[in-house]
């Protein structure tokens, strides 16, 4: 199984990935360019470049054709890749993907606010994103600097993907996605309205499951790791 992270970057050792492992999965979690655990992105000028980079990444990681759980911006990239490369993934579990835009019910801009407000927008429980936003008191000075740089690069990469409006015409290409798709959305998502769950369900051609998760925000796998791991296990088994 592959996990493609969202706006909080690659979580590394995290309750969600541990829950998947406890459910019997071997999980590969690569870092998209510019995000935590990767190098600064170079030559990524538009969404097309990001999709090509993701295509190369899954080949290098040896996970082409595996089932995928993709979150937020990672879900948007996974869908774009699936439209042009059907063999890239097997079944897909998508957590609050970016990509659609309804001017009557717009997606919120998480970068037009303070860092503390952005934190509250990403997870329903602000402590759920502590691994990204907080520095440990006993962290050595060099690791403090590294963590701060990772946080800056991850936020910059996310902004490059979705600012000012995360709408690149994907609705016109989604008919090409033949993979079975399970949709997951946090009921307390403060970035993408919960109504978008129905929008994705209506437009994707092969939706096999739809889940609205209570007490979960935009990155539902951080708020409710065990619940999301159970949904993924059921969908992909």
C-alpha atoms as a PDB file:
ATOM      1  CA  UNK A   1       0.000   0.000   0.000  1.00  0.00           C
ATOM      2  CA  UNK A   2       1.104   3.552  -0.742  1.00  0.00           C
ATOM      3  CA  UNK A   3       0.303   6.636   1.312  1.00  0.00           C
ATOM      4  CA  UNK A   4       0.564  10.001  -0.427  1.00  0.00           C
ATOM      5  CA  UNK A   5       0.537  12.713   2.210  1.00  0.00           C
ATOM      6  CA  UNK A   6      -1.355  15.978   2.327  1.00  0.00           C
ATOM      7  CA  UNK A   7      -0.561  19.515   3.444  1.00  0.00           C
ATOM      8  CA  UNK A   8       1.079  18.369   6.676  1.00  0.00           C
ATOM      9  CA  UNK A   9       3.732  16.528   4.720  1.00  0.00           C
ATOM     10  CA  UNK A  10       5.091  13.051   5.254  1.00  0.00           C
ATOM     11  CA  UNK A  11       4.296  12.176   8.889  1.00  0.00           C
ATOM     12  CA  UNK A  12       7.068   9.579   9.270  1.00  0.00           C
ATOM     13  CA  UNK A  13       6.354   7.610  12.435  1.00  0.00           C
ATOM     14  CA  UNK A  14       2.706   8.422  12.951  1.00  0.00           C
ATOM     15  CA  UNK A  15      -0.396   6.942  14.561  1.00  0.00           C
ATOM     16  CA  UNK A  16      -2.133   6.573  11.185  1.00  0.00           C
ATOM     17  CA  UNK A  17       0.689   4.650   9.537  1.00  0.00           C
ATOM     18  CA  UNK A  18       1.083   2.561  12.694  1.00  0.00           C
ATOM     19  CA  UNK A  19      -2.640   1.745  12.597  1.00  0.00           C
ATOM     20  CA  UNK A  20      -2.323   0.577   8.990  1.00  0.00           C
ATOM     21  CA  UNK A  21       0.655  -1.578   9.950  1.00  0.00           C
ATOM     22  CA  UNK A  22      -1.322  -3.041  12.863  1.00  0.00           C
ATOM     23  CA  UNK A  23      -4.025  -3.953  10.348  1.00  0.00           C
ATOM     24  CA  UNK A  24      -1.487  -6.010   8.429  1.00  0.00           C
ATOM     25  CA  UNK A  25      -0.402  -3.548   5.757  1.00  0.00           C
ATOM     26  CA  UNK A  26       3.110  -2.867   4.585  1.00  0.00           C
ATOM     27  CA  UNK A  27       3.032   0.859   3.867  1.00  0.00           C
ATOM     28  CA  UNK A  28       5.327   2.894   1.627  1.00  0.00           C
ATOM     29  CA  UNK A  29       5.025   6.631   2.271  1.00  0.00           C
ATOM     30  CA  UNK A  30       7.148   8.635  -0.189  1.00  0.00           C
ATOM     31  CA  UNK A  31       7.598  12.382   0.137  1.00  0.00           C
ATOM     32  CA  UNK A  32       6.429  14.589  -2.709  1.00  0.00           C
ATOM     33  CA  UNK A  33       9.044  17.110  -3.880  1.00  0.00           C
ATOM     34  CA  UNK A  34       9.496  20.007  -1.479  1.00  0.00           C
ATOM     35  CA  UNK A  35       7.667  18.349   1.397  1.00  0.00           C
ATOM     36  CA  UNK A  36       9.021  16.932   4.641  1.00  0.00           C
ATOM     37  CA  UNK A  37      11.700  14.350   3.955  1.00  0.00           C
ATOM     38  CA  UNK A  38      12.367  15.503   0.405  1.00  0.00           C
ATOM     39  CA  UNK A  39      14.584  18.079  -1.250  1.00  0.00           C
ATOM     40  CA  UNK A  40      13.547  21.572  -2.298  1.00  0.00           C
ATOM     41  CA  UNK A  41      11.524  21.337  -5.519  1.00  0.00           C
ATOM     42  CA  UNK A  42      13.271  22.463  -8.677  1.00  0.00           C
ATOM     43  CA  UNK A  43      11.686  22.920 -12.076  1.00  0.00           C
ATOM     44  CA  UNK A  44       8.153  22.453 -10.781  1.00  0.00           C
ATOM     45  CA  UNK A  45       6.391  25.294 -12.573  1.00  0.00           C
ATOM     46  CA  UNK A  46       2.844  23.995 -12.738  1.00  0.00           C
ATOM     47  CA  UNK A  47       0.596  21.062 -11.866  1.00  0.00           C
ATOM     48  CA  UNK A  48       1.774  19.102 -14.907  1.00  0.00           C
ATOM     49  CA  UNK A  49       5.327  19.135 -13.529  1.00  0.00           C
ATOM     50  CA  UNK A  50       4.102  17.885 -10.151  1.00  0.00           C
ATOM     51  CA  UNK A  51       2.194  15.019 -11.777  1.00  0.00           C
ATOM     52  CA  UNK A  52       5.254  13.981 -13.797  1.00  0.00           C
ATOM     53  CA  UNK A  53       7.365  14.111 -10.626  1.00  0.00           C
ATOM     54  CA  UNK A  54       4.813  11.931  -8.796  1.00  0.00           C
ATOM     55  CA  UNK A  55       4.828   9.459 -11.683  1.00  0.00           C
ATOM     56  CA  UNK A  56       8.602   9.154 -11.445  1.00  0.00           C
ATOM     57  CA  UNK A  57       8.402   8.932  -7.670  1.00  0.00           C
ATOM     58  CA  UNK A  58       6.088   5.913  -7.517  1.00  0.00           C
ATOM     59  CA  UNK A  59       8.281   4.102 -10.049  1.00  0.00           C
ATOM     60  CA  UNK A  60      11.419   4.800  -8.012  1.00  0.00           C
ATOM     61  CA  UNK A  61       9.657   3.712  -4.821  1.00  0.00           C
ATOM     62  CA  UNK A  62       8.538   0.474  -6.488  1.00  0.00           C
ATOM     63  CA  UNK A  63       4.855   1.007  -5.679  1.00  0.00           C
ATOM     64  CA  UNK A  64       3.391   1.425  -9.173  1.00  0.00           C
ATOM     65  CA  UNK A  65       0.122  -0.455  -9.393  1.00  0.00           C
ATOM     66  CA  UNK A  66      -0.336  -0.720  -5.626  1.00  0.00           C
ATOM     67  CA  UNK A  67      -3.463   0.472  -3.811  1.00  0.00           C
ATOM     68  CA  UNK A  68      -3.089   4.028  -2.578  1.00  0.00           C
ATOM     69  CA  UNK A  69      -4.366   6.192   0.242  1.00  0.00           C
ATOM     70  CA  UNK A  70      -3.941   9.821  -0.761  1.00  0.00           C
ATOM     71  CA  UNK A  71      -4.821  12.888   1.266  1.00  0.00           C
ATOM     72  CA  UNK A  72      -5.550  16.527   0.452  1.00  0.00           C
ATOM     73  CA  UNK A  73      -3.032  17.832  -2.112  1.00  0.00           C
ATOM     74  CA  UNK A  74      -1.648  14.294  -2.458  1.00  0.00           C
ATOM     75  CA  UNK A  75      -5.124  13.082  -3.426  1.00  0.00           C
ATOM     76  CA  UNK A  76      -5.370  15.775  -6.091  1.00  0.00           C
ATOM     77  CA  UNK A  77      -2.052  14.714  -7.600  1.00  0.00           C
ATOM     78  CA  UNK A  78      -3.001  11.029  -7.402  1.00  0.00           C
ATOM     79  CA  UNK A  79      -6.225  11.693  -9.302  1.00  0.00           C
ATOM     80  CA  UNK A  80      -4.454  13.735 -11.966  1.00  0.00           C
ATOM     81  CA  UNK A  81      -1.916  10.938 -12.409  1.00  0.00           C
ATOM     82  CA  UNK A  82      -4.668   8.315 -12.613  1.00  0.00           C
ATOM     83  CA  UNK A  83      -6.320  10.203 -15.499  1.00  0.00           C
ATOM     84  CA  UNK A  84      -3.250   9.866 -17.715  1.00  0.00           C
ATOM     85  CA  UNK A  85      -1.647   6.706 -16.333  1.00  0.00           C
ATOM     86  CA  UNK A  86      -4.317   4.144 -15.404  1.00  0.00           C
ATOM     87  CA  UNK A  87      -1.766   1.594 -14.208  1.00  0.00           C
ATOM     88  CA  UNK A  88      -0.217   4.000 -11.685  1.00  0.00           C
ATOM     89  CA  UNK A  89      -2.484   2.803  -8.873  1.00  0.00           C
ATOM     90  CA  UNK A  90      -4.870   0.027  -7.995  1.00  0.00           C
ATOM     91  CA  UNK A  91      -7.828   0.920  -5.769  1.00  0.00           C
ATOM     92  CA  UNK A  92      -7.772   4.435  -4.307  1.00  0.00           C
ATOM     93  CA  UNK A  93      -8.822   5.836  -0.928  1.00  0.00           C
ATOM     94  CA  UNK A  94      -9.013   9.624  -1.212  1.00  0.00           C
ATOM     95  CA  UNK A  95      -9.161  11.841   1.867  1.00  0.00           C
ATOM     96  CA  UNK A  96     -10.565  15.336   1.193  1.00  0.00           C
ATOM     97  CA  UNK A  97      -8.972  15.835  -2.233  1.00  0.00           C
ATOM     98  CA  UNK A  98      -8.394  19.296  -3.630  1.00  0.00           C
ATOM     99  CA  UNK A  99      -9.290  19.985  -7.260  1.00  0.00           C
ATOM    100  CA  UNK A 100     -12.956  20.906  -7.474  1.00  0.00           C
ATOM    101  CA  UNK A 101     -14.246  24.449  -7.072  1.00  0.00           C
ATOM    102  CA  UNK A 102     -17.776  25.677  -6.487  1.00  0.00           C
ATOM    103  CA  UNK A 103     -18.010  29.502  -6.400  1.00  0.00           C
ATOM    104  CA  UNK A 104     -21.237  29.163  -4.405  1.00  0.00           C
ATOM    105  CA  UNK A 105     -19.443  27.066  -1.798  1.00  0.00           C
ATOM    106  CA  UNK A 106     -15.756  27.941  -2.172  1.00  0.00           C
ATOM    107  CA  UNK A 107     -12.773  26.173  -0.717  1.00  0.00           C
ATOM    108  CA  UNK A 108     -11.138  28.215   2.054  1.00  0.00           C
ATOM    109  CA  UNK A 109      -7.633  29.609   1.615  1.00  0.00           C
ATOM    110  CA  UNK A 110      -5.454  28.235   4.439  1.00  0.00           C
ATOM    111  CA  UNK A 111      -2.633  30.609   3.515  1.00  0.00           C
ATOM    112  CA  UNK A 112      -4.637  33.804   3.913  1.00  0.00           C
ATOM    113  CA  UNK A 113      -4.460  33.529   7.684  1.00  0.00           C
ATOM    114  CA  UNK A 114      -2.040  33.148  10.576  1.00  0.00           C
ATOM    115  CA  UNK A 115      -0.065  29.984  11.242  1.00  0.00           C
ATOM    116  CA  UNK A 116      -2.136  29.251  14.346  1.00  0.00           C
ATOM    117  CA  UNK A 117      -5.380  29.598  12.369  1.00  0.00           C
ATOM    118  CA  UNK A 118      -3.996  27.402   9.617  1.00  0.00           C
ATOM    119  CA  UNK A 119      -3.310  24.776  12.237  1.00  0.00           C
ATOM    120  CA  UNK A 120      -6.929  24.884  13.377  1.00  0.00           C
ATOM    121  CA  UNK A 121      -8.058  24.563   9.761  1.00  0.00           C
ATOM    122  CA  UNK A 122      -5.981  21.458   9.070  1.00  0.00           C
ATOM    123  CA  UNK A 123      -7.189  19.300  11.957  1.00  0.00           C
ATOM    124  CA  UNK A 124     -10.264  19.505  14.153  1.00  0.00           C
ATOM    125  CA  UNK A 125      -8.026  18.891  17.164  1.00  0.00           C
ATOM    126  CA  UNK A 126      -5.017  21.267  16.927  1.00  0.00           C
ATOM    127  CA  UNK A 127      -2.930  18.852  18.999  1.00  0.00           C
ATOM    128  CA  UNK A 128      -3.319  16.224  16.264  1.00  0.00           C
ATOM    129  CA  UNK A 129      -0.835  18.163  14.114  1.00  0.00           C
ATOM    130  CA  UNK A 130       1.712  18.634  16.914  1.00  0.00           C
ATOM    131  CA  UNK A 131       4.360  16.611  15.070  1.00  0.00           C
ATOM    132  CA  UNK A 132       4.335  19.222  12.313  1.00  0.00           C
ATOM    133  CA  UNK A 133       3.801  22.494  14.157  1.00  0.00           C
ATOM    134  CA  UNK A 134       5.486  21.944  17.517  1.00  0.00           C
ATOM    135  CA  UNK A 135       9.173  21.719  18.368  1.00  0.00           C
ATOM    136  CA  UNK A 136      10.074  19.363  21.206  1.00  0.00           C
ATOM    137  CA  UNK A 137      11.647  21.111  24.177  1.00  0.00           C
ATOM    138  CA  UNK A 138      14.586  18.686  24.247  1.00  0.00           C
ATOM    139  CA  UNK A 139      15.198  18.932  20.499  1.00  0.00           C
ATOM    140  CA  UNK A 140      18.862  19.813  19.731  1.00  0.00           C
ATOM    141  CA  UNK A 141      19.506  23.158  18.057  1.00  0.00           C
ATOM    142  CA  UNK A 142      20.447  21.622  14.699  1.00  0.00           C
ATOM    143  CA  UNK A 143      17.245  19.575  14.617  1.00  0.00           C
ATOM    144  CA  UNK A 144      15.211  22.639  15.573  1.00  0.00           C
ATOM    145  CA  UNK A 145      16.580  24.408  12.509  1.00  0.00           C
ATOM    146  CA  UNK A 146      15.958  21.356  10.311  1.00  0.00           C
ATOM    147  CA  UNK A 147      12.382  21.019  11.579  1.00  0.00           C
ATOM    148  CA  UNK A 148      11.727  24.703  10.949  1.00  0.00           C
ATOM    149  CA  UNK A 149      13.096  24.467   7.409  1.00  0.00           C
ATOM    150  CA  UNK A 150      11.022  21.341   6.705  1.00  0.00           C
ATOM    151  CA  UNK A 151       7.920  23.124   7.960  1.00  0.00           C
ATOM    152  CA  UNK A 152       8.621  26.153   5.755  1.00  0.00           C
ATOM    153  CA  UNK A 153       9.293  24.050   2.639  1.00  0.00           C
ATOM    154  CA  UNK A 154       6.194  21.910   3.203  1.00  0.00           C
ATOM    155  CA  UNK A 155       3.952  24.946   3.574  1.00  0.00           C
ATOM    156  CA  UNK A 156       5.556  26.539   0.486  1.00  0.00           C
ATOM    157  CA  UNK A 157       5.045  23.406  -1.599  1.00  0.00           C
ATOM    158  CA  UNK A 158       1.397  23.172  -0.514  1.00  0.00           C
ATOM    159  CA  UNK A 159       0.844  26.816  -1.382  1.00  0.00           C
ATOM    160  CA  UNK A 160       2.419  26.326  -4.788  1.00  0.00           C
ATOM    161  CA  UNK A 161      -0.085  23.543  -5.495  1.00  0.00           C
ATOM    162  CA  UNK A 162      -3.311  25.194  -4.362  1.00  0.00           C
ATOM    163  CA  UNK A 163      -2.875  28.967  -4.271  1.00  0.00           C
ATOM    164  CA  UNK A 164      -4.752  31.094  -5.186  1.00  0.00           C
ATOM    165  CA  UNK A 165      -7.491  28.708  -6.401  1.00  0.00           C
ATOM    166  CA  UNK A 166      -6.996  24.914  -6.441  1.00  0.00           C
ATOM    167  CA  UNK A 167      -8.907  24.391  -9.677  1.00  0.00           C
ATOM    168  CA  UNK A 168      -7.110  23.075 -12.741  1.00  0.00           C
ATOM    169  CA  UNK A 169      -9.997  21.626 -14.741  1.00  0.00           C
ATOM    170  CA  UNK A 170      -9.806  18.156 -13.237  1.00  0.00           C
ATOM    171  CA  UNK A 171     -13.593  17.787 -13.482  1.00  0.00           C
ATOM    172  CA  UNK A 172     -13.173  17.544 -17.257  1.00  0.00           C
ATOM    173  CA  UNK A 173     -10.733  14.626 -16.895  1.00  0.00           C
ATOM    174  CA  UNK A 174     -12.216  12.564 -14.082  1.00  0.00           C
ATOM    175  CA  UNK A 175     -14.155  10.338 -16.483  1.00  0.00           C
ATOM    176  CA  UNK A 176     -10.771   8.812 -17.320  1.00  0.00           C
ATOM    177  CA  UNK A 177     -10.260   7.530 -13.755  1.00  0.00           C
ATOM    178  CA  UNK A 178     -11.270   3.863 -13.876  1.00  0.00           C
ATOM    179  CA  UNK A 179      -9.895   2.879 -10.474  1.00  0.00           C
ATOM    180  CA  UNK A 180     -12.368   1.952  -7.734  1.00  0.00           C
ATOM    181  CA  UNK A 181     -12.441   4.980  -5.415  1.00  0.00           C
ATOM    182  CA  UNK A 182     -13.383   5.244  -1.754  1.00  0.00           C
ATOM    183  CA  UNK A 183     -14.025   8.813  -0.608  1.00  0.00           C
ATOM    184  CA  UNK A 184     -13.348  10.036   2.925  1.00  0.00           C
ATOM    185  CA  UNK A 185     -14.101  13.493   4.301  1.00  0.00           C
ATOM    186  CA  UNK A 186     -13.845  14.949   7.773  1.00  0.00           C
ATOM    187  CA  UNK A 187     -17.157  16.359   8.982  1.00  0.00           C
ATOM    188  CA  UNK A 188     -15.277  19.303  10.513  1.00  0.00           C
ATOM    189  CA  UNK A 189     -13.089  20.073   7.498  1.00  0.00           C
ATOM    190  CA  UNK A 190     -12.547  23.845   7.693  1.00  0.00           C
ATOM    191  CA  UNK A 191     -10.850  24.069   4.287  1.00  0.00           C
ATOM    192  CA  UNK A 192     -12.918  21.976   1.877  1.00  0.00           C
ATOM    193  CA  UNK A 193     -16.652  22.074   2.730  1.00  0.00           C
ATOM    194  CA  UNK A 194     -18.250  18.730   3.517  1.00  0.00           C
ATOM    195  CA  UNK A 195     -20.555  19.274   0.517  1.00  0.00           C
ATOM    196  CA  UNK A 196     -17.616  18.450  -1.756  1.00  0.00           C
ATOM    197  CA  UNK A 197     -17.890  14.808  -0.708  1.00  0.00           C
ATOM    198  CA  UNK A 198     -21.099  14.582  -2.735  1.00  0.00           C
ATOM    199  CA  UNK A 199     -19.564  16.537  -5.615  1.00  0.00           C
ATOM    200  CA  UNK A 200     -16.737  14.010  -5.943  1.00  0.00           C
ATOM    201  CA  UNK A 201     -19.169  11.109  -5.620  1.00  0.00           C
ATOM    202  CA  UNK A 202     -21.294  12.448  -8.460  1.00  0.00           C
ATOM    203  CA  UNK A 203     -18.450  13.128 -10.876  1.00  0.00           C
ATOM    204  CA  UNK A 204     -16.090  10.168 -10.360  1.00  0.00           C
ATOM    205  CA  UNK A 205     -17.155   7.165 -12.464  1.00  0.00           C
ATOM    206  CA  UNK A 206     -16.316   4.303 -10.059  1.00  0.00           C
ATOM    207  CA  UNK A 207     -16.985   5.324  -6.455  1.00  0.00           C
ATOM    208  CA  UNK A 208     -17.348   2.225  -4.274  1.00  0.00           C
ATOM    209  CA  UNK A 209     -17.563   3.843  -0.849  1.00  0.00           C
ATOM    210  CA  UNK A 210     -18.290   7.214   0.772  1.00  0.00           C
ATOM    211  CA  UNK A 211     -17.425   8.042   4.387  1.00  0.00           C
ATOM    212  CA  UNK A 212     -18.097  11.207   6.368  1.00  0.00           C
ATOM    213  CA  UNK A 213     -15.984  10.994   9.516  1.00  0.00           C
ATOM    214  CA  UNK A 214     -17.209  12.797  12.619  1.00  0.00           C
ATOM    215  CA  UNK A 215     -14.809  14.821  14.761  1.00  0.00           C
ATOM    216  CA  UNK A 216     -12.274  14.952  11.915  1.00  0.00           C
ATOM    217  CA  UNK A 217     -10.906  17.934  10.046  1.00  0.00           C
ATOM    218  CA  UNK A 218      -9.229  18.348   6.682  1.00  0.00           C
ATOM    219  CA  UNK A 219      -6.482  15.820   7.373  1.00  0.00           C
ATOM    220  CA  UNK A 220      -8.827  13.276   8.888  1.00  0.00           C
ATOM    221  CA  UNK A 221      -6.094  10.660   9.194  1.00  0.00           C
ATOM    222  CA  UNK A 222      -4.384  12.867  11.788  1.00  0.00           C
ATOM    223  CA  UNK A 223      -7.564  13.451  13.794  1.00  0.00           C
ATOM    224  CA  UNK A 224      -8.961   9.910  13.608  1.00  0.00           C
ATOM    225  CA  UNK A 225      -6.073   7.611  12.617  1.00  0.00           C
ATOM    226  CA  UNK A 226      -7.664   4.352  13.770  1.00  0.00           C
ATOM    227  CA  UNK A 227     -10.993   5.113  12.080  1.00  0.00           C
ATOM    228  CA  UNK A 228      -9.396   6.075   8.760  1.00  0.00           C
ATOM    229  CA  UNK A 229      -7.116   3.033   8.862  1.00  0.00           C
ATOM    230  CA  UNK A 230     -10.184   0.823   9.412  1.00  0.00           C
ATOM    231  CA  UNK A 231     -11.980   2.427   6.457  1.00  0.00           C
ATOM    232  CA  UNK A 232      -8.925   1.951   4.236  1.00  0.00           C
ATOM    233  CA  UNK A 233      -8.462  -1.647   5.339  1.00  0.00           C
ATOM    234  CA  UNK A 234     -12.086  -2.456   4.565  1.00  0.00           C
ATOM    235  CA  UNK A 235     -11.932  -0.702   1.193  1.00  0.00           C
ATOM    236  CA  UNK A 236      -8.649  -2.205   0.034  1.00  0.00           C
ATOM    237  CA  UNK A 237      -8.853  -5.747   1.389  1.00  0.00           C
END
